[in-house]
Full PDB file with SEQRES, HELIX, SHEET, SSBOND, CRYST1, ORIGX, SCALE, CONECT and MASTER records, all heavy atoms in Angstrom:
SEQRES   1 A   43  GLY MET LYS GLY ALA LYS ALA ILE LEU PRO SER VAL MET          
SEQRES   2 A   43  ALA ASN ALA LEU LEU ARG GLN ASP GLY ARG LEU ALA LYS          
SEQRES   3 A   43  ALA ILE VAL ASP ALA ALA THR ARG THR VAL SER THR PRO          
SEQRES   4 A   43  VAL LEU GLN GLU                                              
HELIX    1 AA1 MET A    2  ALA A   14  1                                  13    
HELIX    2 AA2 ALA A   16  ASP A   21  1                                   6    
HELIX    3 AA3 ARG A   23  THR A   35  1                                  13    
HELIX    4 AA4 THR A   38  GLN A   42  1                                   5    
CRYST1    1.000    1.000    1.000  90.00  90.00  90.00 P 1           1          
ORIGX1      1.000000  0.000000  0.000000        0.00000                         
ORIGX2      0.000000  1.000000  0.000000        0.00000                         
ORIGX3      0.000000  0.000000  1.000000        0.00000                         
SCALE1      1.000000  0.000000  0.000000        0.00000                         
SCALE2      0.000000  1.000000  0.000000        0.00000                         
SCALE3      0.000000  0.000000  1.000000        0.00000                         
ATOM      1  N   GLY A   1       7.376  30.880  49.418  1.00  0.00           N  
ATOM      2  CA  GLY A   1       6.915  30.429  50.722  1.00  0.00           C  
ATOM      3  C   GLY A   1       8.084  30.226  51.667  1.00  0.00           C  
ATOM      4  O   GLY A   1       8.003  30.534  52.866  1.00  0.00           O  
ATOM      5  N   MET A   2       9.208  29.732  51.130  1.00  0.00           N  
ATOM      6  CA  MET A   2      10.399  29.530  51.950  1.00  0.00           C  
ATOM      7  C   MET A   2      10.993  30.871  52.383  1.00  0.00           C  
ATOM      8  O   MET A   2      11.516  31.004  53.505  1.00  0.00           O  
ATOM      9  CB  MET A   2      11.435  28.714  51.189  1.00  0.00           C  
ATOM     10  CG  MET A   2      12.487  28.084  52.081  1.00  0.00           C  
ATOM     11  SD  MET A   2      11.806  26.825  53.206  1.00  0.00           S  
ATOM     12  CE  MET A   2      11.649  25.409  52.117  1.00  0.00           C  
ATOM     13  N   LYS A   3      10.921  31.870  51.525  1.00  0.00           N  
ATOM     14  CA  LYS A   3      11.373  33.214  51.911  1.00  0.00           C  
ATOM     15  C   LYS A   3      10.493  33.747  53.045  1.00  0.00           C  
ATOM     16  O   LYS A   3      10.975  34.406  53.972  1.00  0.00           O  
ATOM     17  CB  LYS A   3      11.319  34.153  50.705  1.00  0.00           C  
ATOM     18  CG  LYS A   3      12.363  33.863  49.635  1.00  0.00           C  
ATOM     19  CD  LYS A   3      12.177  34.790  48.448  1.00  0.00           C  
ATOM     20  CE  LYS A   3      13.170  34.501  47.337  1.00  0.00           C  
ATOM     21  NZ  LYS A   3      14.553  34.894  47.688  1.00  0.00           N  
ATOM     22  N   GLY A   4       9.192  33.463  52.957  1.00  0.00           N  
ATOM     23  CA  GLY A   4       8.294  33.860  54.038  1.00  0.00           C  
ATOM     24  C   GLY A   4       8.625  33.122  55.325  1.00  0.00           C  
ATOM     25  O   GLY A   4       8.608  33.704  56.414  1.00  0.00           O  
ATOM     26  N   ALA A   5       8.953  31.836  55.196  1.00  0.00           N  
ATOM     27  CA  ALA A   5       9.330  31.050  56.376  1.00  0.00           C  
ATOM     28  C   ALA A   5      10.582  31.616  57.024  1.00  0.00           C  
ATOM     29  O   ALA A   5      10.681  31.712  58.247  1.00  0.00           O  
ATOM     30  CB  ALA A   5       9.548  29.596  55.976  1.00  0.00           C  
ATOM     31  N   LYS A   6      11.540  32.009  56.195  1.00  0.00           N  
ATOM     32  CA  LYS A   6      12.779  32.594  56.725  1.00  0.00           C  
ATOM     33  C   LYS A   6      12.489  33.874  57.503  1.00  0.00           C  
ATOM     34  O   LYS A   6      13.109  34.130  58.534  1.00  0.00           O  
ATOM     35  CB  LYS A   6      13.749  32.887  55.577  1.00  0.00           C  
ATOM     36  CG  LYS A   6      15.056  33.526  56.011  1.00  0.00           C  
ATOM     37  CD  LYS A   6      16.051  33.613  54.861  1.00  0.00           C  
ATOM     38  CE  LYS A   6      15.616  34.590  53.802  1.00  0.00           C  
ATOM     39  NZ  LYS A   6      16.635  34.723  52.726  1.00  0.00           N  
ATOM     40  N   ALA A   7      11.525  34.649  57.030  1.00  0.00           N  
ATOM     41  CA  ALA A   7      11.189  35.915  57.682  1.00  0.00           C  
ATOM     42  C   ALA A   7      10.514  35.709  59.036  1.00  0.00           C  
ATOM     43  O   ALA A   7      10.759  36.464  59.980  1.00  0.00           O  
ATOM     44  CB  ALA A   7      10.294  36.753  56.770  1.00  0.00           C  
ATOM     45  N   ILE A   8       9.658  34.685  59.133  1.00  0.00           N  
ATOM     46  CA  ILE A   8       8.886  34.528  60.374  1.00  0.00           C  
ATOM     47  C   ILE A   8       9.496  33.529  61.350  1.00  0.00           C  
ATOM     48  O   ILE A   8       9.139  33.522  62.532  1.00  0.00           O  
ATOM     49  CB  ILE A   8       7.421  34.111  60.083  1.00  0.00           C  
ATOM     50  CG1 ILE A   8       7.341  32.679  59.540  1.00  0.00           C  
ATOM     51  CG2 ILE A   8       6.752  35.096  59.145  1.00  0.00           C  
ATOM     52  CD1 ILE A   8       5.920  32.156  59.438  1.00  0.00           C  
ATOM     53  N   LEU A   9      10.429  32.678  60.881  1.00  0.00           N  
ATOM     54  CA  LEU A   9      10.936  31.612  61.747  1.00  0.00           C  
ATOM     55  C   LEU A   9      11.576  32.126  63.040  1.00  0.00           C  
ATOM     56  O   LEU A   9      11.348  31.536  64.105  1.00  0.00           O  
ATOM     57  CB  LEU A   9      11.914  30.716  60.983  1.00  0.00           C  
ATOM     58  CG  LEU A   9      12.285  29.403  61.671  1.00  0.00           C  
ATOM     59  CD1 LEU A   9      11.048  28.549  61.943  1.00  0.00           C  
ATOM     60  CD2 LEU A   9      13.282  28.611  60.825  1.00  0.00           C  
ATOM     61  N   PRO A  10      12.354  33.214  63.021  1.00  0.00           N  
ATOM     62  CA  PRO A  10      12.893  33.705  64.297  1.00  0.00           C  
ATOM     63  C   PRO A  10      11.794  34.050  65.305  1.00  0.00           C  
ATOM     64  O   PRO A  10      11.922  33.746  66.500  1.00  0.00           O  
ATOM     65  CB  PRO A  10      13.698  34.940  63.892  1.00  0.00           C  
ATOM     66  CG  PRO A  10      14.119  34.661  62.491  1.00  0.00           C  
ATOM     67  CD  PRO A  10      12.938  33.967  61.875  1.00  0.00           C  
ATOM     68  N   SER A  11      10.708  34.681  64.837  1.00  0.00           N  
ATOM     69  CA  SER A  11       9.602  35.023  65.730  1.00  0.00           C  
ATOM     70  C   SER A  11       8.872  33.781  66.201  1.00  0.00           C  
ATOM     71  O   SER A  11       8.424  33.697  67.348  1.00  0.00           O  
ATOM     72  CB  SER A  11       8.618  35.968  65.017  1.00  0.00           C  
ATOM     73  OG  SER A  11       9.243  37.192  64.686  1.00  0.00           O  
ATOM     74  N   VAL A  12       8.746  32.796  65.311  1.00  0.00           N  
ATOM     75  CA  VAL A  12       8.106  31.528  65.685  1.00  0.00           C  
ATOM     76  C   VAL A  12       8.932  30.829  66.753  1.00  0.00           C  
ATOM     77  O   VAL A  12       8.402  30.325  67.755  1.00  0.00           O  
ATOM     78  CB  VAL A  12       7.945  30.623  64.445  1.00  0.00           C  
ATOM     79  CG1 VAL A  12       7.551  29.197  64.854  1.00  0.00           C  
ATOM     80  CG2 VAL A  12       6.889  31.200  63.509  1.00  0.00           C  
ATOM     81  N   MET A  13      10.253  30.805  66.584  1.00  0.00           N  
ATOM     82  CA  MET A  13      11.123  30.135  67.552  1.00  0.00           C  
ATOM     83  C   MET A  13      11.158  30.879  68.889  1.00  0.00           C  
ATOM     84  O   MET A  13      11.389  30.272  69.940  1.00  0.00           O  
ATOM     85  CB  MET A  13      12.537  30.015  66.995  1.00  0.00           C  
ATOM     86  CG  MET A  13      12.661  29.002  65.875  1.00  0.00           C  
ATOM     87  SD  MET A  13      12.334  27.318  66.440  1.00  0.00           S  
ATOM     88  CE  MET A  13      12.661  26.387  64.946  1.00  0.00           C  
ATOM     89  N   ALA A  14      10.940  32.172  68.860  1.00  0.00           N  
ATOM     90  CA  ALA A  14      10.927  32.959  70.098  1.00  0.00           C  
ATOM     91  C   ALA A  14       9.632  32.777  70.875  1.00  0.00           C  
ATOM     92  O   ALA A  14       9.541  33.156  72.048  1.00  0.00           O  
ATOM     93  CB  ALA A  14      11.146  34.436  69.781  1.00  0.00           C  
ATOM     94  N   ASN A  15       8.610  32.196  70.224  1.00  0.00           N  
ATOM     95  CA  ASN A  15       7.315  31.947  70.843  1.00  0.00           C  
ATOM     96  C   ASN A  15       7.291  30.494  71.327  1.00  0.00           C  
ATOM     97  O   ASN A  15       7.326  29.561  70.521  1.00  0.00           O  
ATOM     98  CB  ASN A  15       6.204  32.196  69.814  1.00  0.00           C  
ATOM     99  CG  ASN A  15       4.812  31.999  70.375  1.00  0.00           C  
ATOM    100  OD1 ASN A  15       4.492  30.932  70.876  1.00  0.00           O  
ATOM    101  ND2 ASN A  15       3.975  33.006  70.263  1.00  0.00           N  
ATOM    102  N   ALA A  16       7.244  30.284  72.635  1.00  0.00           N  
ATOM    103  CA  ALA A  16       7.367  28.935  73.201  1.00  0.00           C  
ATOM    104  C   ALA A  16       6.326  27.965  72.642  1.00  0.00           C  
ATOM    105  O   ALA A  16       6.653  26.807  72.332  1.00  0.00           O  
ATOM    106  CB  ALA A  16       7.257  28.999  74.724  1.00  0.00           C  
ATOM    107  N   LEU A  17       5.081  28.427  72.473  1.00  0.00           N  
ATOM    108  CA  LEU A  17       4.032  27.536  71.976  1.00  0.00           C  
ATOM    109  C   LEU A  17       4.268  27.141  70.524  1.00  0.00           C  
ATOM    110  O   LEU A  17       4.183  25.968  70.157  1.00  0.00           O  
ATOM    111  CB  LEU A  17       2.664  28.200  72.138  1.00  0.00           C  
ATOM    112  CG  LEU A  17       2.163  28.376  73.578  1.00  0.00           C  
ATOM    113  CD1 LEU A  17       0.831  29.112  73.592  1.00  0.00           C  
ATOM    114  CD2 LEU A  17       2.027  27.015  74.270  1.00  0.00           C  
ATOM    115  N   LEU A  18       4.577  28.140  69.672  1.00  0.00           N  
ATOM    116  CA  LEU A  18       4.806  27.843  68.263  1.00  0.00           C  
ATOM    117  C   LEU A  18       6.107  27.063  68.060  1.00  0.00           C  
ATOM    118  O   LEU A  18       6.210  26.246  67.147  1.00  0.00           O  
ATOM    119  CB  LEU A  18       4.833  29.134  67.448  1.00  0.00           C  
ATOM    120  CG  LEU A  18       3.484  29.835  67.252  1.00  0.00           C  
ATOM    121  CD1 LEU A  18       3.662  31.129  66.472  1.00  0.00           C  
ATOM    122  CD2 LEU A  18       2.503  28.918  66.520  1.00  0.00           C  
ATOM    123  N   ARG A  19       7.084  27.316  68.915  1.00  0.00           N  
ATOM    124  CA  ARG A  19       8.351  26.595  68.820  1.00  0.00           C  
ATOM    125  C   ARG A  19       8.125  25.100  69.015  1.00  0.00           C  
ATOM    126  O   ARG A  19       8.689  24.271  68.301  1.00  0.00           O  
ATOM    127  CB  ARG A  19       9.332  27.127  69.863  1.00  0.00           C  
ATOM    128  CG  ARG A  19      10.711  26.505  69.767  1.00  0.00           C  
ATOM    129  CD  ARG A  19      11.714  27.242  70.629  1.00  0.00           C  
ATOM    130  NE  ARG A  19      11.421  27.175  72.055  1.00  0.00           N  
ATOM    131  CZ  ARG A  19      11.167  28.207  72.833  1.00  0.00           C  
ATOM    132  NH1 ARG A  19      11.146  29.438  72.326  1.00  0.00           N  
ATOM    133  NH2 ARG A  19      10.924  28.053  74.126  1.00  0.00           N  
ATOM    134  N   GLN A  20       7.292  24.756  69.994  1.00  0.00           N  
ATOM    135  CA  GLN A  20       7.000  23.355  70.246  1.00  0.00           C  
ATOM    136  C   GLN A  20       5.976  22.790  69.263  1.00  0.00           C  
ATOM    137  O   GLN A  20       5.901  21.569  69.071  1.00  0.00           O  
ATOM    138  CB  GLN A  20       6.501  23.178  71.685  1.00  0.00           C  
ATOM    139  CG  GLN A  20       7.546  23.528  72.734  1.00  0.00           C  
ATOM    140  CD  GLN A  20       8.837  22.755  72.563  1.00  0.00           C  
ATOM    141  OE1 GLN A  20       8.816  21.559  72.289  1.00  0.00           O  
ATOM    142  NE2 GLN A  20       9.981  23.432  72.713  1.00  0.00           N  
ATOM    143  N   ASP A  21       5.196  23.658  68.639  1.00  0.00           N  
ATOM    144  CA  ASP A  21       4.196  23.244  67.657  1.00  0.00           C  
ATOM    145  C   ASP A  21       4.855  22.459  66.516  1.00  0.00           C  
ATOM    146  O   ASP A  21       4.381  21.395  66.119  1.00  0.00           O  
ATOM    147  CB  ASP A  21       3.478  24.487  67.121  1.00  0.00           C  
ATOM    148  CG  ASP A  21       2.536  24.196  65.983  1.00  0.00           C  
ATOM    149  OD1 ASP A  21       1.364  23.899  66.257  1.00  0.00           O  
ATOM    150  OD2 ASP A  21       2.965  24.272  64.808  1.00  0.00           O  
ATOM    151  N   GLY A  22       5.947  22.974  65.997  1.00  0.00           N  
ATOM    152  CA  GLY A  22       6.768  22.240  65.038  1.00  0.00           C  
ATOM    153  C   GLY A  22       6.257  22.159  63.619  1.00  0.00           C  
ATOM    154  O   GLY A  22       6.927  21.611  62.738  1.00  0.00           O  
ATOM    155  N   ARG A  23       5.069  22.702  63.332  1.00  0.00           N  
ATOM    156  CA  ARG A  23       4.517  22.555  61.982  1.00  0.00           C  
ATOM    157  C   ARG A  23       5.325  23.292  60.927  1.00  0.00           C  
ATOM    158  O   ARG A  23       5.484  22.811  59.797  1.00  0.00           O  
ATOM    159  CB  ARG A  23       3.065  23.027  61.952  1.00  0.00           C  
ATOM    160  CG  ARG A  23       2.086  22.062  62.598  1.00  0.00           C  
ATOM    161  CD  ARG A  23       0.662  22.566  62.454  1.00  0.00           C  
ATOM    162  NE  ARG A  23       0.464  23.819  63.171  1.00  0.00           N  
ATOM    163  CZ  ARG A  23      -0.267  24.843  62.736  1.00  0.00           C  
ATOM    164  NH1 ARG A  23      -0.854  24.777  61.547  1.00  0.00           N  
ATOM    165  NH2 ARG A  23      -0.408  25.936  63.464  1.00  0.00           N  
ATOM    166  N   LEU A  24       5.840  24.463  61.278  1.00  0.00           N  
ATOM    167  CA  LEU A  24       6.594  25.225  60.280  1.00  0.00           C  
ATOM    168  C   LEU A  24       7.900  24.514  59.932  1.00  0.00           C  
ATOM    169  O   LEU A  24       8.260  24.413  58.754  1.00  0.00           O  
ATOM    170  CB  LEU A  24       6.869  26.638  60.789  1.00  0.00           C  
ATOM    171  CG  LEU A  24       7.635  27.550  59.811  1.00  0.00           C  
ATOM    172  CD1 LEU A  24       6.893  27.670  58.485  1.00  0.00           C  
ATOM    173  CD2 LEU A  24       7.848  28.938  60.428  1.00  0.00           C  
ATOM    174  N   ALA A  25       8.603  24.025  60.934  1.00  0.00           N  
ATOM    175  CA  ALA A  25       9.851  23.302  60.668  1.00  0.00           C  
ATOM    176  C   ALA A  25       9.591  22.079  59.793  1.00  0.00           C  
ATOM    177  O   ALA A  25      10.344  21.803  58.847  1.00  0.00           O  
ATOM    178  CB  ALA A  25      10.513  22.888  61.984  1.00  0.00           C  
ATOM    179  N   LYS A  26       8.523  21.357  60.085  1.00  0.00           N  
ATOM    180  CA  LYS A  26       8.180  20.184  59.276  1.00  0.00           C  
ATOM    181  C   LYS A  26       7.850  20.583  57.848  1.00  0.00           C  
ATOM    182  O   LYS A  26       8.259  19.918  56.887  1.00  0.00           O  
ATOM    183  CB  LYS A  26       7.004  19.437  59.901  1.00  0.00           C  
ATOM    184  CG  LYS A  26       6.621  18.157  59.148  1.00  0.00           C  
ATOM    185  CD  LYS A  26       5.466  17.439  59.820  1.00  0.00           C  
ATOM    186  CE  LYS A  26       5.174  16.107  59.132  1.00  0.00           C  
ATOM    187  NZ  LYS A  26       4.841  16.262  57.694  1.00  0.00           N  
ATOM    188  N   ALA A  27       7.109  21.691  57.696  1.00  0.00           N  
ATOM    189  CA  ALA A  27       6.738  22.157  56.358  1.00  0.00           C  
ATOM    190  C   ALA A  27       7.969  22.557  55.561  1.00  0.00           C  
ATOM    191  O   ALA A  27       8.030  22.349  54.340  1.00  0.00           O  
ATOM    192  CB  ALA A  27       5.770  23.332  56.468  1.00  0.00           C  
ATOM    193  N   ILE A  28       8.970  23.141  56.222  1.00  0.00           N  
ATOM    194  CA  ILE A  28      10.210  23.534  55.556  1.00  0.00           C  
ATOM    195  C   ILE A  28      10.936  22.301  55.020  1.00  0.00           C  
ATOM    196  O   ILE A  28      11.362  22.270  53.852  1.00  0.00           O  
ATOM    197  CB  ILE A  28      11.109  24.320  56.532  1.00  0.00           C  
ATOM    198  CG1 ILE A  28      10.513  25.713  56.793  1.00  0.00           C  
ATOM    199  CG2 ILE A  28      12.531  24.447  55.989  1.00  0.00           C  
ATOM    200  CD1 ILE A  28      11.211  26.475  57.903  1.00  0.00           C  
ATOM    201  N   VAL A  29      11.075  21.283  55.849  1.00  0.00           N  
ATOM    202  CA  VAL A  29      11.761  20.056  55.423  1.00  0.00           C  
ATOM    203  C   VAL A  29      10.971  19.352  54.329  1.00  0.00           C  
ATOM    204  O   VAL A  29      11.541  18.887  53.326  1.00  0.00           O  
ATOM    205  CB  VAL A  29      11.986  19.115  56.616  1.00  0.00           C  
ATOM    206  CG1 VAL A  29      12.601  17.793  56.154  1.00  0.00           C  
ATOM    207  CG2 VAL A  29      12.895  19.774  57.648  1.00  0.00           C  
ATOM    208  N   ASP A  30       9.659  19.265  54.489  1.00  0.00           N  
ATOM    209  CA  ASP A  30       8.825  18.609  53.482  1.00  0.00           C  
ATOM    210  C   ASP A  30       8.938  19.304  52.129  1.00  0.00           C  
ATOM    211  O   ASP A  30       9.016  18.650  51.083  1.00  0.00           O  
ATOM    212  CB  ASP A  30       7.356  18.594  53.928  1.00  0.00           C  
ATOM    213  CG  ASP A  30       7.092  17.621  55.070  1.00  0.00           C  
ATOM    214  OD1 ASP A  30       7.987  16.807  55.371  1.00  0.00           O  
ATOM    215  OD2 ASP A  30       6.001  17.695  55.667  1.00  0.00           O  
ATOM    216  N   ALA A  31       8.960  20.642  52.146  1.00  0.00           N  
ATOM    217  CA  ALA A  31       9.048  21.407  50.898  1.00  0.00           C  
ATOM    218  C   ALA A  31      10.393  21.176  50.217  1.00  0.00           C  
ATOM    219  O   ALA A  31      10.459  20.985  48.993  1.00  0.00           O  
ATOM    220  CB  ALA A  31       8.844  22.888  51.175  1.00  0.00           C  
ATOM    221  N   ALA A  32      11.466  21.189  50.993  1.00  0.00           N  
ATOM    222  CA  ALA A  32      12.796  20.957  50.427  1.00  0.00           C  
ATOM    223  C   ALA A  32      12.911  19.537  49.875  1.00  0.00           C  
ATOM    224  O   ALA A  32      13.550  19.304  48.839  1.00  0.00           O  
ATOM    225  CB  ALA A  32      13.866  21.211  51.482  1.00  0.00           C  
ATOM    226  N   THR A  33      12.281  18.590  50.546  1.00  0.00           N  
ATOM    227  CA  THR A  33      12.309  17.195  50.095  1.00  0.00           C  
ATOM    228  C   THR A  33      11.524  17.028  48.804  1.00  0.00           C  
ATOM    229  O   THR A  33      11.986  16.366  47.855  1.00  0.00           O  
ATOM    230  CB  THR A  33      11.705  16.275  51.171  1.00  0.00           C  
ATOM    231  OG1 THR A  33      12.409  16.454  52.397  1.00  0.00           O  
ATOM    232  CG2 THR A  33      11.792  14.814  50.754  1.00  0.00           C  
ATOM    233  N   ARG A  34      10.357  17.623  48.759  1.00  0.00           N  
ATOM    234  CA  ARG A  34       9.452  17.432  47.630  1.00  0.00           C  
ATOM    235  C   ARG A  34       9.950  18.104  46.352  1.00  0.00           C  
ATOM    236  O   ARG A  34       9.862  17.541  45.259  1.00  0.00           O  
ATOM    237  CB  ARG A  34       8.063  17.969  48.006  1.00  0.00           C  
ATOM    238  CG  ARG A  34       6.958  17.646  47.011  1.00  0.00           C  
ATOM    239  CD  ARG A  34       5.621  18.184  47.495  1.00  0.00           C  
ATOM    240  NE  ARG A  34       5.601  19.646  47.506  1.00  0.00           N  
ATOM    241  CZ  ARG A  34       5.704  20.386  48.592  1.00  0.00           C  
ATOM    242  NH1 ARG A  34       5.837  19.806  49.778  1.00  0.00           N  
ATOM    243  NH2 ARG A  34       5.671  21.709  48.516  1.00  0.00           N  
ATOM    244  N   THR A  35      10.473  19.312  46.460  1.00  0.00           N  
ATOM    245  CA  THR A  35      10.856  20.070  45.269  1.00  0.00           C  
ATOM    246  C   THR A  35      12.213  19.655  44.703  1.00  0.00           C  
ATOM    247  O   THR A  35      12.459  19.815  43.514  1.00  0.00           O  
ATOM    248  CB  THR A  35      10.913  21.573  45.576  1.00  0.00           C  
ATOM    249  OG1 THR A  35      11.891  21.817  46.590  1.00  0.00           O  
ATOM    250  CG2 THR A  35       9.556  22.089  46.036  1.00  0.00           C  
ATOM    251  N   VAL A  36      13.096  19.144  45.551  1.00  0.00           N  
ATOM    252  CA  VAL A  36      14.471  18.821  45.150  1.00  0.00           C  
ATOM    253  C   VAL A  36      15.057  20.009  44.381  1.00  0.00           C  
ATOM    254  O   VAL A  36      15.664  19.847  43.322  1.00  0.00           O  
ATOM    255  CB  VAL A  36      14.535  17.535  44.302  1.00  0.00           C  
ATOM    256  CG1 VAL A  36      15.974  17.006  44.254  1.00  0.00           C  
ATOM    257  CG2 VAL A  36      13.619  16.465  44.842  1.00  0.00           C  
ATOM    258  N   SER A  37      14.861  21.193  44.911  1.00  0.00           N  
ATOM    259  CA  SER A  37      15.303  22.434  44.275  1.00  0.00           C  
ATOM    260  C   SER A  37      16.412  23.054  45.112  1.00  0.00           C  
ATOM    261  O   SER A  37      16.244  23.301  46.310  1.00  0.00           O  
ATOM    262  CB  SER A  37      14.121  23.407  44.166  1.00  0.00           C  
ATOM    263  OG  SER A  37      14.555  24.720  43.953  1.00  0.00           O  
ATOM    264  N   THR A  38      17.551  23.328  44.491  1.00  0.00           N  
ATOM    265  CA  THR A  38      18.662  23.926  45.226  1.00  0.00           C  
ATOM    266  C   THR A  38      18.316  25.321  45.750  1.00  0.00           C  
ATOM    267  O   THR A  38      18.625  25.634  46.908  1.00  0.00           O  
ATOM    268  CB  THR A  38      19.927  23.965  44.360  1.00  0.00           C  
ATOM    269  OG1 THR A  38      20.307  22.619  44.048  1.00  0.00           O  
ATOM    270  CG2 THR A  38      21.076  24.628  45.094  1.00  0.00           C  
ATOM    271  N   PRO A  39      17.681  26.221  44.959  1.00  0.00           N  
ATOM    272  CA  PRO A  39      17.301  27.518  45.519  1.00  0.00           C  
ATOM    273  C   PRO A  39      16.367  27.394  46.728  1.00  0.00           C  
ATOM    274  O   PRO A  39      16.491  28.155  47.689  1.00  0.00           O  
ATOM    275  CB  PRO A  39      16.610  28.228  44.343  1.00  0.00           C  
ATOM    276  CG  PRO A  39      17.245  27.642  43.146  1.00  0.00           C  
ATOM    277  CD  PRO A  39      17.455  26.198  43.495  1.00  0.00           C  
ATOM    278  N   VAL A  40      15.439  26.439  46.686  1.00  0.00           N  
ATOM    279  CA  VAL A  40      14.549  26.225  47.831  1.00  0.00           C  
ATOM    280  C   VAL A  40      15.355  25.763  49.039  1.00  0.00           C  
ATOM    281  O   VAL A  40      15.160  26.253  50.159  1.00  0.00           O  
ATOM    282  CB  VAL A  40      13.449  25.197  47.485  1.00  0.00           C  
ATOM    283  CG1 VAL A  40      12.695  24.761  48.747  1.00  0.00           C  
ATOM    284  CG2 VAL A  40      12.465  25.786  46.477  1.00  0.00           C  
ATOM    285  N   LEU A  41      16.290  24.838  48.826  1.00  0.00           N  
ATOM    286  CA  LEU A  41      17.111  24.342  49.926  1.00  0.00           C  
ATOM    287  C   LEU A  41      17.992  25.458  50.490  1.00  0.00           C  
ATOM    288  O   LEU A  41      18.180  25.559  51.702  1.00  0.00           O  
ATOM    289  CB  LEU A  41      17.980  23.182  49.463  1.00  0.00           C  
ATOM    290  CG  LEU A  41      18.865  22.589  50.562  1.00  0.00           C  
ATOM    291  CD1 LEU A  41      18.025  21.795  51.558  1.00  0.00           C  
ATOM    292  CD2 LEU A  41      19.965  21.714  49.983  1.00  0.00           C  
ATOM    293  N   GLN A  42      18.533  26.297  49.609  1.00  0.00           N  
ATOM    294  CA  GLN A  42      19.374  27.401  50.077  1.00  0.00           C  
ATOM    295  C   GLN A  42      18.585  28.340  50.987  1.00  0.00           C  
ATOM    296  O   GLN A  42      19.088  28.783  52.023  1.00  0.00           O  
ATOM    297  CB  GLN A  42      19.945  28.159  48.880  1.00  0.00           C  
ATOM    298  CG  GLN A  42      21.014  27.375  48.125  1.00  0.00           C  
ATOM    299  CD  GLN A  42      21.397  28.006  46.801  1.00  0.00           C  
ATOM    300  OE1 GLN A  42      20.615  28.719  46.180  1.00  0.00           O  
ATOM    301  NE2 GLN A  42      22.611  27.740  46.343  1.00  0.00           N  
ATOM    302  N   GLU A  43      17.355  28.636  50.600  1.00  0.00           N  
ATOM    303  CA  GLU A  43      16.504  29.475  51.445  1.00  0.00           C  
ATOM    304  C   GLU A  43      16.186  28.763  52.756  1.00  0.00           C  
ATOM    305  O   GLU A  43      16.125  29.395  53.820  1.00  0.00           O  
ATOM    306  CB  GLU A  43      15.205  29.825  50.710  1.00  0.00           C  
ATOM    307  CG  GLU A  43      15.356  30.772  49.539  1.00  0.00           C  
ATOM    308  CD  GLU A  43      15.710  32.188  49.961  1.00  0.00           C  
ATOM    309  OE1 GLU A  43      15.522  32.551  51.146  1.00  0.00           O  
ATOM    310  OE2 GLU A  43      16.180  32.951  49.101  1.00  0.00           O  
TER     311      GLU A  43                                                      
MASTER        0    0    0    4    0    0    0    6  310    1    0    4          
END                                                                             
């Protein structure tokens, strides 16, 4: 899922509405916090 986030995040950030939406950025941080996984954090 984090690899998918990496692929779409530039397009999300380029979209003014989705950029301000903020759900993807929050999901990325929540996932890294929850898993405590170095590969997840690296992605």
